[in-house]
């Protein structure tokens, strides 16, 4: 059973390119996004990332809205709220890549 996401998988789970994830990562971590698992390099706990994505209080409003969250000097962080379809797409992708549920 796979327990960690690679950087590419984290970016995909957030709906961002690898480059955009790298740009947003400091702000995301400032908002409670999990840090990589110590000793594993650029790998994140699937459970922690999933919990963070699914927590309704951590998804900021779109950067263009008055409710947009600013982090560290006023830089807006935009994340699309994960829809149920998006979560199912991610689950299907992971099951196809790493096998079905145990």
PDB file of N, CA and C in Angstrom:
ATOM      1  N   UNK A   1       0.840  -1.168   0.000  1.00  0.00           N
ATOM      2  CA  UNK A   1       0.000   0.000   0.000  1.00  0.00           C
ATOM      3  C   UNK A   1       0.895   1.245   0.000  1.00  0.00           C
ATOM      4  N   UNK A   2       0.616   2.145  -0.886  1.00  0.00           N
ATOM      5  CA  UNK A   2       1.385   3.385  -0.993  1.00  0.00           C
ATOM      6  C   UNK A   2       0.942   4.360   0.098  1.00  0.00           C
ATOM      7  N   UNK A   3       1.907   4.938   0.813  1.00  0.00           N
ATOM      8  CA  UNK A   3       1.593   5.840   1.919  1.00  0.00           C
ATOM      9  C   UNK A   3       2.039   7.272   1.677  1.00  0.00           C
ATOM     10  N   UNK A   4       2.818   7.500   0.622  1.00  0.00           N
ATOM     11  CA  UNK A   4       3.327   8.849   0.373  1.00  0.00           C
ATOM     12  C   UNK A   4       3.057   9.286  -1.061  1.00  0.00           C
ATOM     13  N   UNK A   5       2.904  10.596  -1.225  1.00  0.00           N
ATOM     14  CA  UNK A   5       2.802  11.243  -2.525  1.00  0.00           C
ATOM     15  C   UNK A   5       4.177  11.770  -2.912  1.00  0.00           C
ATOM     16  N   UNK A   6       4.502  11.683  -4.191  1.00  0.00           N
ATOM     17  CA  UNK A   6       5.670  12.396  -4.705  1.00  0.00           C
ATOM     18  C   UNK A   6       5.269  13.857  -4.905  1.00  0.00           C
ATOM     19  N   UNK A   7       6.236  14.709  -5.182  1.00  0.00           N
ATOM     20  CA  UNK A   7       5.933  16.122  -5.422  1.00  0.00           C
ATOM     21  C   UNK A   7       4.956  16.267  -6.593  1.00  0.00           C
ATOM     22  N   UNK A   8       5.148  15.481  -7.641  1.00  0.00           N
ATOM     23  CA  UNK A   8       4.267  15.538  -8.807  1.00  0.00           C
ATOM     24  C   UNK A   8       2.833  15.159  -8.438  1.00  0.00           C
ATOM     25  N   UNK A   9       2.686  14.155  -7.580  1.00  0.00           N
ATOM     26  CA  UNK A   9       1.357  13.721  -7.159  1.00  0.00           C
ATOM     27  C   UNK A   9       0.689  14.750  -6.261  1.00  0.00           C
ATOM     28  N   UNK A  10       1.463  15.412  -5.413  1.00  0.00           N
ATOM     29  CA  UNK A  10       0.898  16.472  -4.576  1.00  0.00           C
ATOM     30  C   UNK A  10       0.395  17.601  -5.466  1.00  0.00           C
ATOM     31  N   UNK A  11       1.215  18.014  -6.426  1.00  0.00           N
ATOM     32  CA  UNK A  11       0.804  19.081  -7.347  1.00  0.00           C
ATOM     33  C   UNK A  11      -0.485  18.700  -8.066  1.00  0.00           C
ATOM     34  N   UNK A  12      -0.555  17.456  -8.548  1.00  0.00           N
ATOM     35  CA  UNK A  12      -1.758  16.995  -9.247  1.00  0.00           C
ATOM     36  C   UNK A  12      -2.972  16.985  -8.311  1.00  0.00           C
ATOM     37  N   UNK A  13      -2.780  16.562  -7.070  1.00  0.00           N
ATOM     38  CA  UNK A  13      -3.885  16.533  -6.104  1.00  0.00           C
ATOM     39  C   UNK A  13      -4.423  17.936  -5.840  1.00  0.00           C
ATOM     40  N   UNK A  14      -3.549  18.939  -5.917  1.00  0.00           N
ATOM     41  CA  UNK A  14      -3.955  20.332  -5.716  1.00  0.00           C
ATOM     42  C   UNK A  14      -4.447  20.978  -7.004  1.00  0.00           C
ATOM     43  N   UNK A  15      -4.312  20.270  -8.119  1.00  0.00           N
ATOM     44  CA  UNK A  15      -4.734  20.832  -9.398  1.00  0.00           C
ATOM     45  C   UNK A  15      -3.792  21.896  -9.919  1.00  0.00           C
ATOM     46  N   UNK A  16      -2.501  21.778  -9.573  1.00  0.00           N
ATOM     47  CA  UNK A  16      -1.496  22.769  -9.968  1.00  0.00           C
ATOM     48  C   UNK A  16      -0.369  22.093 -10.739  1.00  0.00           C
ATOM     49  N   UNK A  17       0.326  22.881 -11.534  1.00  0.00           N
ATOM     50  CA  UNK A  17       1.525  22.374 -12.190  1.00  0.00           C
ATOM     51  C   UNK A  17       2.619  22.232 -11.137  1.00  0.00           C
ATOM     52  N   UNK A  18       3.645  21.479 -11.479  1.00  0.00           N
ATOM     53  CA  UNK A  18       4.762  21.303 -10.555  1.00  0.00           C
ATOM     54  C   UNK A  18       5.404  22.657 -10.240  1.00  0.00           C
ATOM     55  N   UNK A  19       5.583  23.474 -11.264  1.00  0.00           N
ATOM     56  CA  UNK A  19       6.182  24.801 -11.071  1.00  0.00           C
ATOM     57  C   UNK A  19       5.316  25.663 -10.151  1.00  0.00           C
ATOM     58  N   UNK A  20       3.986  25.637 -10.363  1.00  0.00           N
ATOM     59  CA  UNK A  20       3.092  26.457  -9.547  1.00  0.00           C
ATOM     60  C   UNK A  20       3.066  25.950  -8.108  1.00  0.00           C
ATOM     61  N   UNK A  21       3.117  24.634  -7.920  1.00  0.00           N
ATOM     62  CA  UNK A  21       3.174  24.091  -6.563  1.00  0.00           C
ATOM     63  C   UNK A  21       4.432  24.587  -5.854  1.00  0.00           C
ATOM     64  N   UNK A  22       5.567  24.562  -6.554  1.00  0.00           N
ATOM     65  CA  UNK A  22       6.811  25.064  -5.956  1.00  0.00           C
ATOM     66  C   UNK A  22       6.679  26.531  -5.552  1.00  0.00           C
ATOM     67  N   UNK A  23       6.004  27.322  -6.370  1.00  0.00           N
ATOM     68  CA  UNK A  23       5.812  28.743  -6.065  1.00  0.00           C
ATOM     69  C   UNK A  23       4.886  28.937  -4.857  1.00  0.00           C
ATOM     70  N   UNK A  24       3.834  28.130  -4.790  1.00  0.00           N
ATOM     71  CA  UNK A  24       2.832  28.281  -3.726  1.00  0.00           C
ATOM     72  C   UNK A  24       3.202  27.589  -2.419  1.00  0.00           C
ATOM     73  N   UNK A  25       4.131  26.667  -2.480  1.00  0.00           N
ATOM     74  CA  UNK A  25       4.422  25.827  -1.316  1.00  0.00           C
ATOM     75  C   UNK A  25       4.706  26.597  -0.030  1.00  0.00           C
ATOM     76  N   UNK A  26       5.550  27.639  -0.029  1.00  0.00           N
ATOM     77  CA  UNK A  26       5.770  28.346   1.245  1.00  0.00           C
ATOM     78  C   UNK A  26       4.483  28.938   1.824  1.00  0.00           C
ATOM     79  N   UNK A  27       3.653  29.508   0.977  1.00  0.00           N
ATOM     80  CA  UNK A  27       2.390  30.077   1.453  1.00  0.00           C
ATOM     81  C   UNK A  27       1.459  28.978   1.940  1.00  0.00           C
ATOM     82  N   UNK A  28       1.405  27.864   1.216  1.00  0.00           N
ATOM     83  CA  UNK A  28       0.554  26.747   1.633  1.00  0.00           C
ATOM     84  C   UNK A  28       0.991  26.210   2.991  1.00  0.00           C
ATOM     85  N   UNK A  29       2.299  26.048   3.187  1.00  0.00           N
ATOM     86  CA  UNK A  29       2.796  25.566   4.478  1.00  0.00           C
ATOM     87  C   UNK A  29       2.470  26.563   5.580  1.00  0.00           C
ATOM     88  N   UNK A  30       2.448  27.850   5.247  1.00  0.00           N
ATOM     89  CA  UNK A  30       2.043  28.864   6.213  1.00  0.00           C
ATOM     90  C   UNK A  30       0.577  28.753   6.593  1.00  0.00           C
ATOM     91  N   UNK A  31      -0.190  28.078   5.733  1.00  0.00           N
ATOM     92  CA  UNK A  31      -1.621  27.868   5.981  1.00  0.00           C
ATOM     93  C   UNK A  31      -1.885  26.480   6.555  1.00  0.00           C
ATOM     94  N   UNK A  32      -0.821  25.775   6.962  1.00  0.00           N
ATOM     95  CA  UNK A  32      -0.986  24.479   7.592  1.00  0.00           C
ATOM     96  C   UNK A  32      -0.802  23.283   6.681  1.00  0.00           C
ATOM     97  N   UNK A  33      -0.429  23.522   5.418  1.00  0.00           N
ATOM     98  CA  UNK A  33      -0.194  22.395   4.519  1.00  0.00           C
ATOM     99  C   UNK A  33       0.950  21.562   5.078  1.00  0.00           C
ATOM    100  N   UNK A  34       0.826  20.219   5.034  1.00  0.00           N
ATOM    101  CA  UNK A  34       1.871  19.378   5.628  1.00  0.00           C
ATOM    102  C   UNK A  34       3.222  19.528   4.943  1.00  0.00           C
ATOM    103  N   UNK A  35       4.251  19.375   5.724  1.00  0.00           N
ATOM    104  CA  UNK A  35       5.616  19.390   5.191  1.00  0.00           C
ATOM    105  C   UNK A  35       5.974  17.971   4.760  1.00  0.00           C
ATOM    106  N   UNK A  36       7.013  17.820   3.940  1.00  0.00           N
ATOM    107  CA  UNK A  36       7.425  16.466   3.526  1.00  0.00           C
ATOM    108  C   UNK A  36       7.746  15.585   4.733  1.00  0.00           C
ATOM    109  N   UNK A  37       7.615  14.288   4.540  1.00  0.00           N
ATOM    110  CA  UNK A  37       7.925  13.320   5.588  1.00  0.00           C
ATOM    111  C   UNK A  37       9.433  13.358   5.837  1.00  0.00           C
ATOM    112  N   UNK A  38       9.864  13.580   7.077  1.00  0.00           N
ATOM    113  CA  UNK A  38      11.297  13.637   7.360  1.00  0.00           C
ATOM    114  C   UNK A  38      12.022  12.363   6.921  1.00  0.00           C
ATOM    115  N   UNK A  39      13.151  12.547   6.266  1.00  0.00           N
ATOM    116  CA  UNK A  39      13.973  11.433   5.844  1.00  0.00           C
ATOM    117  C   UNK A  39      13.597  10.811   4.506  1.00  0.00           C
ATOM    118  N   UNK A  40      12.509  11.284   3.893  1.00  0.00           N
ATOM    119  CA  UNK A  40      12.079  10.708   2.618  1.00  0.00           C
ATOM    120  C   UNK A  40      12.244  11.670   1.443  1.00  0.00           C
ATOM    121  N   UNK A  41      12.882  12.794   1.671  1.00  0.00           N
ATOM    122  CA  UNK A  41      13.057  13.743   0.571  1.00  0.00           C
ATOM    123  C   UNK A  41      11.750  14.436   0.239  1.00  0.00           C
ATOM    124  N   UNK A  42      11.451  14.545  -1.043  1.00  0.00           N
ATOM    125  CA  UNK A  42      10.252  15.247  -1.506  1.00  0.00           C
ATOM    126  C   UNK A  42       9.065  14.285  -1.571  1.00  0.00           C
ATOM    127  N   UNK A  43       8.654  13.781  -0.409  1.00  0.00           N
ATOM    128  CA  UNK A  43       7.507  12.884  -0.298  1.00  0.00           C
ATOM    129  C   UNK A  43       6.625  13.362   0.852  1.00  0.00           C
ATOM    130  N   UNK A  44       5.307  13.350   0.612  1.00  0.00           N
ATOM    131  CA  UNK A  44       4.343  13.806   1.597  1.00  0.00           C
ATOM    132  C   UNK A  44       3.418  12.670   1.967  1.00  0.00           C
ATOM    133  N   UNK A  45       2.964  12.656   3.205  1.00  0.00           N
ATOM    134  CA  UNK A  45       1.992  11.668   3.665  1.00  0.00           C
ATOM    135  C   UNK A  45       0.687  11.854   2.891  1.00  0.00           C
ATOM    136  N   UNK A  46       0.237  10.787   2.246  1.00  0.00           N
ATOM    137  CA  UNK A  46      -1.029  10.846   1.513  1.00  0.00           C
ATOM    138  C   UNK A  46      -2.153  11.225   2.475  1.00  0.00           C
ATOM    139  N   UNK A  47      -2.163  10.633   3.656  1.00  0.00           N
ATOM    140  CA  UNK A  47      -3.208  10.909   4.639  1.00  0.00           C
ATOM    141  C   UNK A  47      -3.227  12.386   5.028  1.00  0.00           C
ATOM    142  N   UNK A  48      -2.060  12.953   5.334  1.00  0.00           N
ATOM    143  CA  UNK A  48      -2.008  14.356   5.751  1.00  0.00           C
ATOM    144  C   UNK A  48      -2.429  15.295   4.619  1.00  0.00           C
ATOM    145  N   UNK A  49      -1.959  15.020   3.403  1.00  0.00           N
ATOM    146  CA  UNK A  49      -2.330  15.868   2.262  1.00  0.00           C
ATOM    147  C   UNK A  49      -3.834  15.773   2.021  1.00  0.00           C
ATOM    148  N   UNK A  50      -4.382  14.566   2.040  1.00  0.00           N
ATOM    149  CA  UNK A  50      -5.815  14.373   1.821  1.00  0.00           C
ATOM    150  C   UNK A  50      -6.639  15.087   2.886  1.00  0.00           C
ATOM    151  N   UNK A  51      -6.213  14.975   4.144  1.00  0.00           N
ATOM    152  CA  UNK A  51      -6.936  15.645   5.226  1.00  0.00           C
ATOM    153  C   UNK A  51      -6.896  17.160   5.034  1.00  0.00           C
ATOM    154  N   UNK A  52      -5.757  17.701   4.635  1.00  0.00           N
ATOM    155  CA  UNK A  52      -5.635  19.142   4.436  1.00  0.00           C
ATOM    156  C   UNK A  52      -6.524  19.599   3.284  1.00  0.00           C
ATOM    157  N   UNK A  53      -6.503  18.848   2.181  1.00  0.00           N
ATOM    158  CA  UNK A  53      -7.322  19.220   1.022  1.00  0.00           C
ATOM    159  C   UNK A  53      -8.800  19.173   1.377  1.00  0.00           C
ATOM    160  N   UNK A  54      -9.212  18.188   2.142  1.00  0.00           N
ATOM    161  CA  UNK A  54     -10.628  18.009   2.459  1.00  0.00           C
ATOM    162  C   UNK A  54     -11.119  18.860   3.619  1.00  0.00           C
ATOM    163  N   UNK A  55     -10.228  19.531   4.334  1.00  0.00           N
ATOM    164  CA  UNK A  55     -10.636  20.388   5.441  1.00  0.00           C
ATOM    165  C   UNK A  55     -11.243  21.673   4.867  1.00  0.00           C
ATOM    166  N   UNK A  56     -12.511  21.959   5.134  1.00  0.00           N
ATOM    167  CA  UNK A  56     -13.168  23.108   4.512  1.00  0.00           C
ATOM    168  C   UNK A  56     -12.591  24.459   4.919  1.00  0.00           C
ATOM    169  N   UNK A  57     -11.953  24.542   6.056  1.00  0.00           N
ATOM    170  CA  UNK A  57     -11.465  25.831   6.537  1.00  0.00           C
ATOM    171  C   UNK A  57     -10.130  26.247   5.932  1.00  0.00           C
ATOM    172  N   UNK A  58      -9.451  25.392   5.198  1.00  0.00           N
ATOM    173  CA  UNK A  58      -8.144  25.767   4.662  1.00  0.00           C
ATOM    174  C   UNK A  58      -8.188  26.211   3.216  1.00  0.00           C
ATOM    175  N   UNK A  59      -9.334  26.104   2.555  1.00  0.00           N
ATOM    176  CA  UNK A  59      -9.418  26.487   1.158  1.00  0.00           C
ATOM    177  C   UNK A  59      -9.790  27.964   1.080  1.00  0.00           C
ATOM    178  N   UNK A  60      -8.851  28.823   0.668  1.00  0.00           N
ATOM    179  CA  UNK A  60      -9.148  30.254   0.601  1.00  0.00           C
ATOM    180  C   UNK A  60     -10.052  30.571  -0.577  1.00  0.00           C
ATOM    181  N   UNK A  61     -10.648  31.742  -0.514  1.00  0.00           N
ATOM    182  CA  UNK A  61     -11.465  32.228  -1.616  1.00  0.00           C
ATOM    183  C   UNK A  61     -10.562  32.523  -2.813  1.00  0.00           C
ATOM    184  N   UNK A  62     -11.138  32.597  -4.021  1.00  0.00           N
ATOM    185  CA  UNK A  62     -10.317  32.943  -5.185  1.00  0.00           C
ATOM    186  C   UNK A  62      -9.593  34.264  -4.966  1.00  0.00           C
ATOM    187  N   UNK A  63      -8.383  34.370  -5.527  1.00  0.00           N
ATOM    188  CA  UNK A  63      -7.543  35.541  -5.308  1.00  0.00           C
ATOM    189  C   UNK A  63      -8.218  36.829  -5.744  1.00  0.00           C
ATOM    190  N   UNK A  64      -9.135  36.755  -6.683  1.00  0.00           N
ATOM    191  CA  UNK A  64      -9.784  37.951  -7.189  1.00  0.00           C
ATOM    192  C   UNK A  64     -10.946  38.419  -6.311  1.00  0.00           C
ATOM    193  N   UNK A  65     -11.348  37.608  -5.333  1.00  0.00           N
ATOM    194  CA  UNK A  65     -12.491  37.980  -4.515  1.00  0.00           C
ATOM    195  C   UNK A  65     -12.052  38.792  -3.295  1.00  0.00           C
ATOM    196  N   UNK A  66     -12.973  39.553  -2.716  1.00  0.00           N
ATOM    197  CA  UNK A  66     -12.633  40.337  -1.519  1.00  0.00           C
ATOM    198  C   UNK A  66     -12.261  39.470  -0.328  1.00  0.00           C
ATOM    199  N   UNK A  67     -12.678  38.192  -0.328  1.00  0.00           N
ATOM    200  CA  UNK A  67     -12.391  37.302   0.786  1.00  0.00           C
ATOM    201  C   UNK A  67     -11.070  36.561   0.631  1.00  0.00           C
ATOM    202  N   UNK A  68     -10.299  36.870  -0.389  1.00  0.00           N
ATOM    203  CA  UNK A  68      -9.053  36.145  -0.650  1.00  0.00           C
ATOM    204  C   UNK A  68      -8.120  36.246   0.544  1.00  0.00           C
ATOM    205  N   UNK A  69      -7.472  35.146   0.855  1.00  0.00           N
ATOM    206  CA  UNK A  69      -6.528  35.094   1.960  1.00  0.00           C
ATOM    207  C   UNK A  69      -5.168  35.563   1.467  1.00  0.00           C
ATOM    208  N   UNK A  70      -4.509  36.394   2.247  1.00  0.00           N
ATOM    209  CA  UNK A  70      -3.155  36.797   1.893  1.00  0.00           C
ATOM    210  C   UNK A  70      -2.196  36.225   2.910  1.00  0.00           C
ATOM    211  N   UNK A  71      -1.041  35.835   2.436  1.00  0.00           N
ATOM    212  CA  UNK A  71      -0.048  35.200   3.285  1.00  0.00           C
ATOM    213  C   UNK A  71       1.289  35.869   3.053  1.00  0.00           C
ATOM    214  N   UNK A  72       2.033  36.157   4.117  1.00  0.00           N
ATOM    215  CA  UNK A  72       3.398  36.639   4.009  1.00  0.00           C
ATOM    216  C   UNK A  72       3.596  37.819   3.086  1.00  0.00           C
ATOM    217  N   UNK A  73       3.206  39.001   3.497  1.00  0.00           N
ATOM    218  CA  UNK A  73       3.447  40.183   2.694  1.00  0.00           C
ATOM    219  C   UNK A  73       2.395  40.442   1.637  1.00  0.00           C
ATOM    220  N   UNK A  74       1.246  39.818   1.768  1.00  0.00           N
ATOM    221  CA  UNK A  74       0.144  40.134   0.881  1.00  0.00           C
ATOM    222  C   UNK A  74       0.035  39.285  -0.365  1.00  0.00           C
ATOM    223  N   UNK A  75       0.803  38.220  -0.481  1.00  0.00           N
ATOM    224  CA  UNK A  75       0.705  37.362  -1.665  1.00  0.00           C
ATOM    225  C   UNK A  75      -0.538  36.485  -1.539  1.00  0.00           C
ATOM    226  N   UNK A  76      -1.431  36.572  -2.505  1.00  0.00           N
ATOM    227  CA  UNK A  76      -2.637  35.757  -2.476  1.00  0.00           C
ATOM    228  C   UNK A  76      -2.329  34.333  -2.895  1.00  0.00           C
ATOM    229  N   UNK A  77      -3.020  33.406  -2.293  1.00  0.00           N
ATOM    230  CA  UNK A  77      -2.890  31.996  -2.649  1.00  0.00           C
ATOM    231  C   UNK A  77      -4.244  31.550  -3.184  1.00  0.00           C
ATOM    232  N   UNK A  78      -4.255  31.099  -4.419  1.00  0.00           N
ATOM    233  CA  UNK A  78      -5.517  30.658  -4.995  1.00  0.00           C
ATOM    234  C   UNK A  78      -5.519  29.153  -5.143  1.00  0.00           C
ATOM    235  N   UNK A  79      -6.551  28.529  -4.609  1.00  0.00           N
ATOM    236  CA  UNK A  79      -6.760  27.084  -4.768  1.00  0.00           C
ATOM    237  C   UNK A  79      -8.225  26.875  -5.089  1.00  0.00           C
ATOM    238  N   UNK A  80      -8.470  26.066  -6.062  1.00  0.00           N
ATOM    239  CA  UNK A  80      -9.848  25.718  -6.367  1.00  0.00           C
ATOM    240  C   UNK A  80     -10.348  24.782  -5.282  1.00  0.00           C
ATOM    241  N   UNK A  81     -11.553  24.985  -4.843  1.00  0.00           N
ATOM    242  CA  UNK A  81     -12.132  24.085  -3.861  1.00  0.00           C
ATOM    243  C   UNK A  81     -12.292  22.718  -4.498  1.00  0.00           C
ATOM    244  N   UNK A  82     -11.763  21.678  -3.860  1.00  0.00           N
ATOM    245  CA  UNK A  82     -11.858  20.359  -4.489  1.00  0.00           C
ATOM    246  C   UNK A  82     -13.304  19.881  -4.496  1.00  0.00           C
ATOM    247  N   UNK A  83     -13.800  19.567  -5.657  1.00  0.00           N
ATOM    248  CA  UNK A  83     -15.157  19.046  -5.759  1.00  0.00           C
ATOM    249  C   UNK A  83     -15.116  17.540  -5.527  1.00  0.00           C
ATOM    250  N   UNK A  84     -16.281  16.969  -5.307  1.00  0.00           N
ATOM    251  CA  UNK A  84     -16.346  15.525  -5.126  1.00  0.00           C
ATOM    252  C   UNK A  84     -15.825  14.823  -6.372  1.00  0.00           C
ATOM    253  N   UNK A  85     -16.112  15.392  -7.552  1.00  0.00           N
ATOM    254  CA  UNK A  85     -15.629  14.796  -8.800  1.00  0.00           C
ATOM    255  C   UNK A  85     -14.109  14.823  -8.849  1.00  0.00           C
ATOM    256  N   UNK A  86     -13.498  15.916  -8.404  1.00  0.00           N
ATOM    257  CA  UNK A  86     -12.038  16.027  -8.403  1.00  0.00           C
ATOM    258  C   UNK A  86     -11.424  14.987  -7.472  1.00  0.00           C
ATOM    259  N   UNK A  87     -11.984  14.813  -6.313  1.00  0.00           N
ATOM    260  CA  UNK A  87     -11.480  13.818  -5.360  1.00  0.00           C
ATOM    261  C   UNK A  87     -11.618  12.420  -5.956  1.00  0.00           C
ATOM    262  N   UNK A  88     -12.743  12.149  -6.626  1.00  0.00           N
ATOM    263  CA  UNK A  88     -12.926  10.844  -7.256  1.00  0.00           C
ATOM    264  C   UNK A  88     -11.938  10.634  -8.396  1.00  0.00           C
ATOM    265  N   UNK A  89     -11.656  11.683  -9.169  1.00  0.00           N
ATOM    266  CA  UNK A  89     -10.654  11.585 -10.239  1.00  0.00           C
ATOM    267  C   UNK A  89      -9.292  11.234  -9.672  1.00  0.00           C
ATOM    268  N   UNK A  90      -8.928  11.884  -8.571  1.00  0.00           N
ATOM    269  CA  UNK A  90      -7.635  11.615  -7.933  1.00  0.00           C
ATOM    270  C   UNK A  90      -7.602  10.173  -7.439  1.00  0.00           C
ATOM    271  N   UNK A  91      -8.685   9.735  -6.810  1.00  0.00           N
ATOM    272  CA  UNK A  91      -8.750   8.366  -6.300  1.00  0.00           C
ATOM    273  C   UNK A  91      -8.630   7.366  -7.444  1.00  0.00           C
ATOM    274  N   UNK A  92      -9.348   7.600  -8.558  1.00  0.00           N
ATOM    275  CA  UNK A  92      -9.272   6.693  -9.709  1.00  0.00           C
ATOM    276  C   UNK A  92      -7.866   6.645 -10.275  1.00  0.00           C
ATOM    277  N   UNK A  93      -7.228   7.818 -10.369  1.00  0.00           N
ATOM    278  CA  UNK A  93      -5.858   7.883 -10.876  1.00  0.00           C
ATOM    279  C   UNK A  93      -4.924   7.058  -9.998  1.00  0.00           C
ATOM    280  N   UNK A  94      -5.025   7.221  -8.693  1.00  0.00           N
ATOM    281  CA  UNK A  94      -4.143   6.492  -7.779  1.00  0.00           C
ATOM    282  C   UNK A  94      -4.415   4.992  -7.807  1.00  0.00           C
ATOM    283  N   UNK A  95      -5.686   4.611  -7.887  1.00  0.00           N
ATOM    284  CA  UNK A  95      -6.013   3.189  -7.945  1.00  0.00           C
ATOM    285  C   UNK A  95      -5.516   2.567  -9.244  1.00  0.00           C
ATOM    286  N   UNK A  96      -5.631   3.320 -10.357  1.00  0.00           N
ATOM    287  CA  UNK A  96      -5.145   2.809 -11.642  1.00  0.00           C
ATOM    288  C   UNK A  96      -3.622   2.658 -11.628  1.00  0.00           C
ATOM    289  N   UNK A  97      -2.956   3.596 -10.980  1.00  0.00           N
ATOM    290  CA  UNK A  97      -1.490   3.579 -10.971  1.00  0.00           C
ATOM    291  C   UNK A  97      -0.930   2.574  -9.974  1.00  0.00           C
ATOM    292  N   UNK A  98      -1.562   2.455  -8.805  1.00  0.00           N
ATOM    293  CA  UNK A  98      -0.974   1.640  -7.736  1.00  0.00           C
ATOM    294  C   UNK A  98      -1.825   0.438  -7.344  1.00  0.00           C
ATOM    295  N   UNK A  99      -2.890   0.197  -8.043  1.00  0.00           N
ATOM    296  CA  UNK A  99      -3.723  -0.953  -7.725  1.00  0.00           C
ATOM    297  C   UNK A  99      -4.955  -0.525  -6.936  1.00  0.00           C
ATOM    298  N   UNK A 100      -5.939  -1.407  -6.926  1.00  0.00           N
ATOM    299  CA  UNK A 100      -7.199  -1.121  -6.239  1.00  0.00           C
ATOM    300  C   UNK A 100      -7.057  -1.139  -4.737  1.00  0.00           C
ATOM    301  N   UNK A 101      -8.176  -0.993  -4.098  1.00  0.00           N
ATOM    302  CA  UNK A 101      -8.195  -0.990  -2.635  1.00  0.00           C
ATOM    303  C   UNK A 101      -7.849  -2.357  -2.096  1.00  0.00           C
ATOM    304  N   UNK A 102      -7.182  -2.363  -0.957  1.00  0.00           N
ATOM    305  CA  UNK A 102      -6.775  -3.633  -0.340  1.00  0.00           C
ATOM    306  C   UNK A 102      -7.915  -4.251   0.404  1.00  0.00           C
TER     307      UNK A 102
END
